[in-house]
Amino acid sequence: MQRVLVIRIGRLGDTLLATPVIEALRQAFGPGVEIDFAASPGASAFILDLDKRVNRVFPIAHRSTPWRLHRVKRALERHSHQFPYDLVINLECGHECDDFIRFVEHDKFLGRPLVETQHRKERHCVDTEKSIYADFLGRDITREAGTSLKLKLDTQQLPVPAGVKYLVMNPGFSGLGKAGYRSHRAWPESHWLRLVELVRKDSGWPVLVNGTAAEQTFFPGLLEAPGVHSLMGSSLPTLVQALSNAQCLVSVDTGTMHLAAALATPVVALFGPTNPQLTGPYSKKVASKVLVSGVDCQPCVKTAAQRKCTLNRCMTGLSPEMVYDACLQVVPA
């Protein structure tokens, strides 16, 4: 039996975009391969803990903290000396995890600091990560691997009756309520309300709106609209249950978009300042539709143009009618 450690310490979306390595490892070494993860605490570690294919998760907060001062890192080090890894795959592109090669007992190591891996704007970040292990696990195997989850979950109570078709919307994203933060990824609430009208008029489906408890204050009109049910502040298992049974998800660029794709739920993704070629939905099992308005300054994330932008044209230019038409294209017949 092969024992493997995967290092990917990021937010939920980053973690989900790393899941193709799980299927690639199982294809290369068989379903008995033992896969451990070093991941961020919170939602990232939680979702991996629920995955039937993952053996153990080491939740690493403050990844730059020296090993001797980090309780979880020291536990990982001790564990690796007791049960050495046949393979360690470091999917981080930054230097913060370069020292894993020194402290984790292993036979083979892939990724930094042995190779320099850099994201490119014209290549999806998953394909960049795949380049780290493709030669070792097999290029054909690696190419066919998409984001995926195989979760062990109890049935959660949803605000719609069992068997009723519905659509999920995710209007919020990290940083939405940050002081002084212009919500460049935001789609106007008026657009979300119009989309609800189109869905209700055409299909009659209820709409479930996801987000954190704090995001409720940003969408009061949406949450009070006829046919809308709130998932704001719900647990991650409840969100997983809702996405797993939804006709599709409509979302701005955020981790929920990647969660739906990994659960094989159709996705309509609304992109503005960020680059869908780099961070769009990455599924090999289900249809997704990425919508961009095509303004000349797009994408502009982390540039002077984004800092100066006060119009958010790239998001407001996406019409609700365009989004609804995309929903009809991805929803199974």
Protein backbone atom coordinates (compact mmCIF):
# COMPACT_ATOMS: atom_id res chain seq x y z
CA MET A 1 0.00 0.00 0.00
CA GLN A 2 1.30 3.43 -1.01
CA ARG A 3 1.18 6.26 1.53
CA VAL A 4 0.96 9.81 0.13
CA LEU A 5 0.91 13.30 1.66
CA VAL A 6 -0.56 16.17 -0.38
CA ILE A 7 0.26 19.73 0.69
CA ARG A 8 -2.29 22.40 -0.28
CA ILE A 9 -2.91 25.00 2.41
CA GLY A 10 -5.48 27.50 1.18
CA ARG A 11 -9.12 28.52 1.25
CA LEU A 12 -11.96 26.17 0.40
CA GLY A 13 -11.77 26.95 -3.33
CA ASP A 14 -8.03 26.26 -3.40
CA THR A 15 -8.59 22.94 -1.64
CA LEU A 16 -11.34 21.87 -4.03
CA LEU A 17 -9.18 22.76 -7.02
CA ALA A 18 -6.52 20.42 -5.61
CA THR A 19 -8.86 17.39 -5.52
CA PRO A 20 -7.94 16.12 -9.02
CA VAL A 21 -4.78 14.75 -7.41
CA ILE A 22 -6.94 12.34 -5.38
CA GLU A 23 -8.37 10.57 -8.41
CA ALA A 24 -5.01 10.64 -10.18
CA LEU A 25 -3.39 8.93 -7.19
CA ARG A 26 -6.15 6.31 -7.01
CA GLN A 27 -5.82 5.60 -10.72
CA ALA A 28 -2.04 5.31 -10.48
CA PHE A 29 -1.78 3.29 -7.25
CA GLY A 30 -5.22 1.73 -6.87
CA PRO A 31 -8.13 2.53 -4.51
CA GLY A 32 -6.15 1.27 -1.52
CA VAL A 33 -3.70 4.19 -1.66
CA GLU A 34 -3.60 6.03 1.68
CA ILE A 35 -3.89 9.78 1.09
CA ASP A 36 -3.22 12.37 3.80
CA PHE A 37 -3.56 16.14 3.36
CA ALA A 38 -1.90 19.14 4.93
CA ALA A 39 -4.65 21.76 4.55
CA SER A 40 -6.00 24.93 6.12
CA PRO A 41 -8.18 24.56 9.21
CA GLY A 42 -11.88 25.37 8.93
CA ALA A 43 -13.86 24.60 5.77
CA SER A 44 -10.90 23.16 3.85
CA ALA A 45 -9.97 20.61 6.52
CA PHE A 46 -13.64 19.92 7.23
CA ILE A 47 -14.53 19.01 3.63
CA LEU A 48 -11.46 16.77 3.29
CA ASP A 49 -12.30 15.03 6.57
CA LEU A 50 -15.68 14.16 5.06
CA ASP A 51 -14.16 12.71 1.88
CA LYS A 52 -14.14 8.90 1.95
CA ARG A 53 -10.93 8.80 -0.11
CA VAL A 54 -8.87 10.86 2.34
CA ASN A 55 -7.22 9.05 5.23
CA ARG A 56 -6.17 11.92 7.50
CA VAL A 57 -6.05 15.71 7.46
CA PHE A 58 -3.45 17.84 9.24
CA PRO A 59 -4.97 21.34 9.66
CA ILE A 60 -2.09 23.79 9.29
CA ALA A 61 -2.81 27.34 10.43
CA HIS A 62 -0.06 29.98 10.20
CA ARG A 63 1.97 27.90 7.78
CA SER A 64 5.03 30.18 8.09
CA THR A 65 5.39 29.37 11.80
CA PRO A 66 8.60 27.36 12.46
CA TRP A 67 8.13 23.64 12.92
CA ARG A 68 9.35 23.57 16.51
CA LEU A 69 6.72 26.14 17.47
CA HIS A 70 3.82 24.59 15.55
CA ARG A 71 1.85 21.84 17.29
CA VAL A 72 0.23 20.36 14.16
CA LYS A 73 3.44 20.48 12.12
CA ARG A 74 5.23 18.62 14.91
CA ALA A 75 2.43 16.03 14.98
CA LEU A 76 2.81 15.56 11.22
CA GLU A 77 6.56 15.19 11.60
CA ARG A 78 6.18 12.52 14.31
CA HIS A 79 3.53 10.72 12.27
CA SER A 80 5.78 10.63 9.19
CA HIS A 81 8.65 9.14 11.19
CA GLN A 82 6.36 6.42 12.50
CA PHE A 83 4.69 5.86 9.11
CA PRO A 84 7.01 7.26 6.38
CA TYR A 85 5.38 8.54 3.20
CA ASP A 86 6.17 6.88 -0.10
CA LEU A 87 5.33 10.14 -1.85
CA VAL A 88 4.86 13.78 -0.86
CA ILE A 89 3.28 16.18 -3.38
CA ASN A 90 3.65 19.88 -2.61
CA LEU A 91 1.04 21.78 -4.63
CA GLU A 92 2.01 25.17 -3.18
CA CYS A 93 3.55 27.69 -5.55
CA GLY A 94 4.86 29.93 -2.76
CA HIS A 95 7.88 29.30 -0.58
CA GLU A 96 6.01 28.94 2.73
CA CYS A 97 5.88 25.13 2.54
CA ASP A 98 9.37 24.52 1.13
CA ASP A 99 10.57 23.22 4.51
CA PHE A 100 8.16 20.23 4.46
CA ILE A 101 10.85 18.41 2.50
CA ARG A 102 13.16 18.63 5.52
CA PHE A 103 10.78 17.63 8.29
CA VAL A 104 8.44 15.05 6.70
CA GLU A 105 9.90 11.57 6.30
CA HIS A 106 9.46 10.44 2.70
CA ASP A 107 10.86 8.42 -0.18
CA LYS A 108 9.84 10.63 -3.15
CA PHE A 109 9.04 14.36 -3.13
CA LEU A 110 7.36 16.36 -5.94
CA GLY A 111 7.00 20.13 -6.20
CA ARG A 112 8.74 23.00 -4.47
CA PRO A 113 11.53 23.43 -3.48
CA LEU A 114 12.76 20.88 -6.05
CA VAL A 115 10.99 22.61 -8.94
CA GLU A 116 9.75 26.16 -9.42
CA THR A 117 6.05 26.19 -10.30
CA GLN A 118 4.36 29.39 -11.39
CA HIS A 119 0.81 30.15 -12.39
CA ARG A 120 0.26 31.63 -15.84
CA LYS A 121 -2.78 33.74 -16.71
CA GLU A 122 -3.60 31.68 -19.81
CA ARG A 123 -3.44 28.31 -17.98
CA HIS A 124 -5.90 27.06 -15.38
CA CYS A 125 -4.36 26.80 -11.91
CA VAL A 126 -5.39 23.12 -11.77
CA ASP A 127 -3.33 22.41 -14.88
CA THR A 128 -0.40 24.17 -13.25
CA GLU A 129 -0.76 21.93 -10.21
CA LYS A 130 -1.11 18.86 -12.43
CA SER A 131 2.23 19.67 -14.04
CA ILE A 132 3.84 18.89 -10.68
CA TYR A 133 2.75 15.24 -10.67
CA ALA A 134 1.80 14.42 -14.28
CA ASP A 135 5.09 12.77 -15.26
CA PHE A 136 5.22 10.68 -12.10
CA LEU A 137 1.59 9.49 -12.02
CA GLY A 138 1.08 9.36 -15.79
CA ARG A 139 0.00 12.08 -18.20
CA ASP A 140 -3.12 10.26 -19.44
CA ILE A 141 -4.30 9.59 -15.89
CA THR A 142 -3.61 13.15 -14.82
CA ARG A 143 -5.29 14.74 -17.83
CA GLU A 144 -8.61 13.00 -17.13
CA ALA A 145 -8.77 13.97 -13.44
CA GLY A 146 -11.22 16.73 -12.49
CA THR A 147 -12.37 18.21 -9.22
CA SER A 148 -14.43 15.75 -7.21
CA LEU A 149 -15.69 14.86 -3.75
CA LYS A 150 -16.86 11.53 -2.34
CA LEU A 151 -18.48 12.55 0.93
CA LYS A 152 -19.87 10.66 3.87
CA LEU A 153 -22.80 12.77 5.07
CA ASP A 154 -26.03 12.37 6.98
CA THR A 155 -29.13 13.72 5.25
CA GLN A 156 -29.64 17.40 6.01
CA GLN A 157 -32.96 19.23 6.31
CA LEU A 158 -33.49 21.69 3.45
CA PRO A 159 -36.07 24.51 3.25
CA VAL A 160 -37.81 22.83 0.28
CA PRO A 161 -39.67 19.50 0.25
CA ALA A 162 -37.85 16.41 -0.95
CA GLY A 163 -38.22 15.79 -4.67
CA VAL A 164 -38.88 19.44 -5.57
CA LYS A 165 -36.57 20.86 -8.24
CA TYR A 166 -34.80 24.09 -7.26
CA LEU A 167 -31.94 26.40 -8.16
CA VAL A 168 -29.20 27.70 -5.83
CA MET A 169 -27.76 31.23 -6.01
CA ASN A 170 -24.54 32.37 -4.36
CA PRO A 171 -24.25 36.20 -4.48
CA GLY A 172 -21.62 36.63 -1.73
CA PHE A 173 -17.87 36.14 -1.57
CA SER A 174 -14.96 36.66 0.81
CA GLY A 175 -14.24 40.32 1.43
CA LEU A 176 -17.77 41.49 0.62
CA GLY A 177 -18.13 43.28 3.93
CA LYS A 178 -14.53 44.41 4.34
CA ALA A 179 -14.18 48.07 5.31
CA GLY A 180 -13.28 50.22 2.30
CA TYR A 181 -13.60 47.24 -0.06
CA ARG A 182 -15.34 47.91 -3.38
CA SER A 183 -17.21 44.74 -4.24
CA HIS A 184 -15.81 44.24 -7.72
CA ARG A 185 -16.98 40.62 -7.89
CA ALA A 186 -20.52 41.53 -6.85
CA TRP A 187 -23.51 41.26 -9.18
CA PRO A 188 -26.16 43.89 -8.31
CA GLU A 189 -29.02 42.78 -6.08
CA SER A 190 -31.46 44.10 -8.70
CA HIS A 191 -29.98 41.62 -11.19
CA TRP A 192 -30.38 38.74 -8.73
CA LEU A 193 -34.01 39.75 -8.16
CA ARG A 194 -34.69 39.83 -11.89
CA LEU A 195 -33.12 36.38 -12.26
CA VAL A 196 -35.42 35.05 -9.55
CA GLU A 197 -38.39 36.48 -11.48
CA LEU A 198 -37.26 34.72 -14.66
CA VAL A 199 -36.76 31.40 -12.89
CA ARG A 200 -40.10 31.58 -11.07
CA LYS A 201 -42.04 32.67 -14.18
CA ASP A 202 -40.60 30.03 -16.50
CA SER A 203 -40.00 26.95 -14.34
CA GLY A 204 -41.69 27.75 -11.04
CA TRP A 205 -38.64 26.44 -9.19
CA PRO A 206 -37.92 27.73 -5.71
CA VAL A 207 -34.57 29.48 -5.27
CA LEU A 208 -32.17 28.82 -2.39
CA VAL A 209 -29.76 31.67 -1.65
CA ASN A 210 -26.47 30.72 -0.02
CA GLY A 211 -24.04 32.83 1.97
CA THR A 212 -22.60 33.49 5.38
CA ALA A 213 -24.75 34.82 8.20
CA ALA A 214 -23.01 38.20 7.90
CA GLU A 215 -23.92 38.47 4.20
CA GLN A 216 -27.66 38.60 4.94
CA THR A 217 -27.45 42.36 5.42
CA PHE A 218 -26.20 42.86 1.84
CA PHE A 219 -29.19 41.17 0.16
CA PRO A 220 -32.34 42.05 2.13
CA GLY A 221 -34.55 42.44 -0.93
CA LEU A 222 -33.40 39.16 -2.44
CA LEU A 223 -34.07 37.17 0.72
CA GLU A 224 -37.59 38.59 0.96
CA ALA A 225 -38.50 37.87 -2.68
CA PRO A 226 -41.32 35.37 -3.39
CA GLY A 227 -40.08 31.83 -3.87
CA VAL A 228 -36.70 32.51 -2.24
CA HIS A 229 -35.43 30.47 0.72
CA SER A 230 -32.37 31.46 2.70
CA LEU A 231 -29.36 29.22 3.29
CA MET A 232 -27.47 32.16 4.80
CA GLY A 233 -25.46 30.96 7.78
CA SER A 234 -26.18 27.26 7.10
CA SER A 235 -23.61 24.58 7.89
CA LEU A 236 -21.28 23.23 5.23
CA PRO A 237 -23.07 19.82 5.24
CA THR A 238 -26.36 21.61 4.56
CA LEU A 239 -24.81 23.52 1.66
CA VAL A 240 -23.38 20.28 0.27
CA GLN A 241 -26.82 18.67 0.48
CA ALA A 242 -28.42 21.66 -1.25
CA LEU A 243 -25.87 21.77 -4.05
CA SER A 244 -25.90 18.00 -4.59
CA ASN A 245 -29.62 18.03 -5.41
CA ALA A 246 -29.87 21.40 -7.20
CA GLN A 247 -30.65 21.80 -10.87
CA CYS A 248 -27.74 24.22 -11.05
CA LEU A 249 -25.81 26.86 -9.13
CA VAL A 250 -25.49 30.50 -10.21
CA SER A 251 -22.52 32.08 -8.47
CA VAL A 252 -19.94 34.81 -8.56
CA ASP A 253 -16.31 33.68 -8.44
CA THR A 254 -15.99 32.05 -5.02
CA GLY A 255 -15.45 28.72 -3.27
CA THR A 256 -19.11 27.67 -3.53
CA MET A 257 -18.70 27.63 -7.32
CA HIS A 258 -15.88 25.09 -7.00
CA LEU A 259 -17.83 23.09 -4.43
CA ALA A 260 -20.74 22.66 -6.84
CA ALA A 261 -18.43 21.61 -9.68
CA ALA A 262 -16.73 19.04 -7.42
CA LEU A 263 -20.18 17.67 -6.50
CA ALA A 264 -21.03 17.33 -10.24
CA THR A 265 -23.70 20.04 -10.09
CA PRO A 266 -24.04 22.28 -13.19
CA VAL A 267 -22.60 25.76 -12.64
CA VAL A 268 -23.21 29.17 -14.18
CA ALA A 269 -20.27 31.30 -13.05
CA LEU A 270 -20.27 35.11 -13.27
CA PHE A 271 -16.77 36.52 -13.75
CA GLY A 272 -15.75 40.16 -13.64
CA PRO A 273 -12.31 41.29 -12.48
CA THR A 274 -10.92 37.77 -11.99
CA ASN A 275 -9.68 35.48 -14.75
CA PRO A 276 -11.84 32.42 -15.55
CA GLN A 277 -8.99 30.88 -17.54
CA LEU A 278 -7.08 30.72 -14.27
CA THR A 279 -9.75 29.99 -11.65
CA GLY A 280 -12.95 28.97 -13.46
CA PRO A 281 -14.95 25.81 -12.62
CA TYR A 282 -12.92 22.67 -13.34
CA SER A 283 -15.08 19.58 -13.73
CA LYS A 284 -14.76 16.60 -16.04
CA LYS A 285 -18.24 15.28 -15.18
CA VAL A 286 -20.75 18.10 -15.56
CA ALA A 287 -21.45 21.10 -17.76
CA SER A 288 -20.54 24.58 -16.62
CA LYS A 289 -20.95 27.98 -18.22
CA VAL A 290 -18.64 30.90 -17.53
CA LEU A 291 -20.06 34.32 -18.35
CA VAL A 292 -17.96 37.44 -18.91
CA SER A 293 -19.18 40.79 -20.20
CA GLY A 294 -16.06 41.32 -22.30
CA VAL A 295 -15.28 44.91 -21.38
CA ASP A 296 -11.82 45.97 -22.54
CA CYS A 297 -10.32 46.22 -19.03
CA GLN A 298 -11.26 42.66 -18.03
CA PRO A 299 -9.70 40.89 -16.14
CA CYS A 300 -8.16 43.52 -13.87
CA VAL A 301 -7.70 41.79 -10.50
CA LYS A 302 -4.77 43.13 -8.45
CA THR A 303 -4.02 45.86 -10.99
CA ALA A 304 -4.17 49.65 -10.82
CA ALA A 305 -7.28 49.51 -13.01
CA GLN A 306 -9.14 47.53 -10.36
CA ARG A 307 -8.09 49.90 -7.60
CA LYS A 308 -9.38 52.87 -9.61
CA CYS A 309 -12.62 51.24 -10.76
CA THR A 310 -15.82 52.71 -9.38
CA LEU A 311 -18.26 51.44 -12.02
CA ASN A 312 -17.92 47.66 -11.85
CA ARG A 313 -18.97 47.54 -15.53
CA CYS A 314 -17.68 43.99 -15.98
CA MET A 315 -20.32 42.63 -13.59
CA THR A 316 -23.23 45.01 -14.18
CA GLY A 317 -22.93 44.30 -17.92
CA LEU A 318 -24.00 40.68 -17.37
CA SER A 319 -27.78 40.78 -17.83
CA PRO A 320 -30.15 38.50 -15.87
CA GLU A 321 -31.59 37.31 -19.20
CA MET A 322 -28.11 36.23 -20.32
CA VAL A 323 -27.59 34.37 -17.04
CA TYR A 324 -30.96 32.63 -17.19
CA ASP A 325 -30.30 31.52 -20.76
CA ALA A 326 -27.03 29.99 -19.55
CA CYS A 327 -28.91 28.15 -16.80
CA LEU A 328 -31.17 26.56 -19.40
CA GLN A 329 -28.11 25.43 -21.33
CA VAL A 330 -26.46 23.59 -18.42
CA VAL A 331 -29.51 22.12 -16.65
CA PRO A 332 -30.06 18.47 -17.61
CA ALA A 333 -32.99 17.95 -19.95
